[in-house]
Amino acid sequence: MASDHTDEVLDSPTGWVAEHVRTYLETNGERGHLYQGWPTLLLTTRGRKTGKLRRTALIYGQDGRRHLLVASNAGSPAHPAWYLNLVAQPEVTVQDRGDTFTARARTATAEEKTRLWPVMTSIFPLYDTYQAQADREIPLVIVERLAGR
């Protein structure tokens, strides 16, 4: 991400997601971290077309200190915009409750996905359903905190 802290962050245009993000921000994740029982974080990416910062709330899992995300887009034929953004610009900002940090995001290799997919489906079983109905391989994303950030 650019070090220019004057960049405005645009929240998801989806109403319920934007409300979730607002609640999460207002309470530093005390409300909003668990969303309908699922652990969530806020992910900020840089738009691949506009260059603007984009923030959304996502279900996550963990593998040690790494955060795991699934680019399911509810099984739709297209990858979600946040995923396309991080592929183009892998440096992202993550807020996990009160901890905000810069990280590098990447798509898991096939071997990593085989091992880590069950971590995510144990949290949100619908990921298996989405994968079964999708005409694309749903990416699993590994997010690693950048040292010293």
Foldseek 3Di string as FASTA:
>chain_A
DDPPPVADEAEDPDVVFSVLVVVCVVQLNPPNCQDVNFGKKKKWFQQPPPRGIYITIFGWFDDVQKIKGWQLVLLDQDGDRRVVRCVNPQWMWMRRRNDIAIKGKDWDDPVVCVVCVVRVCVRPVCSVVSCVNHPDHITMMIIGGDPPD
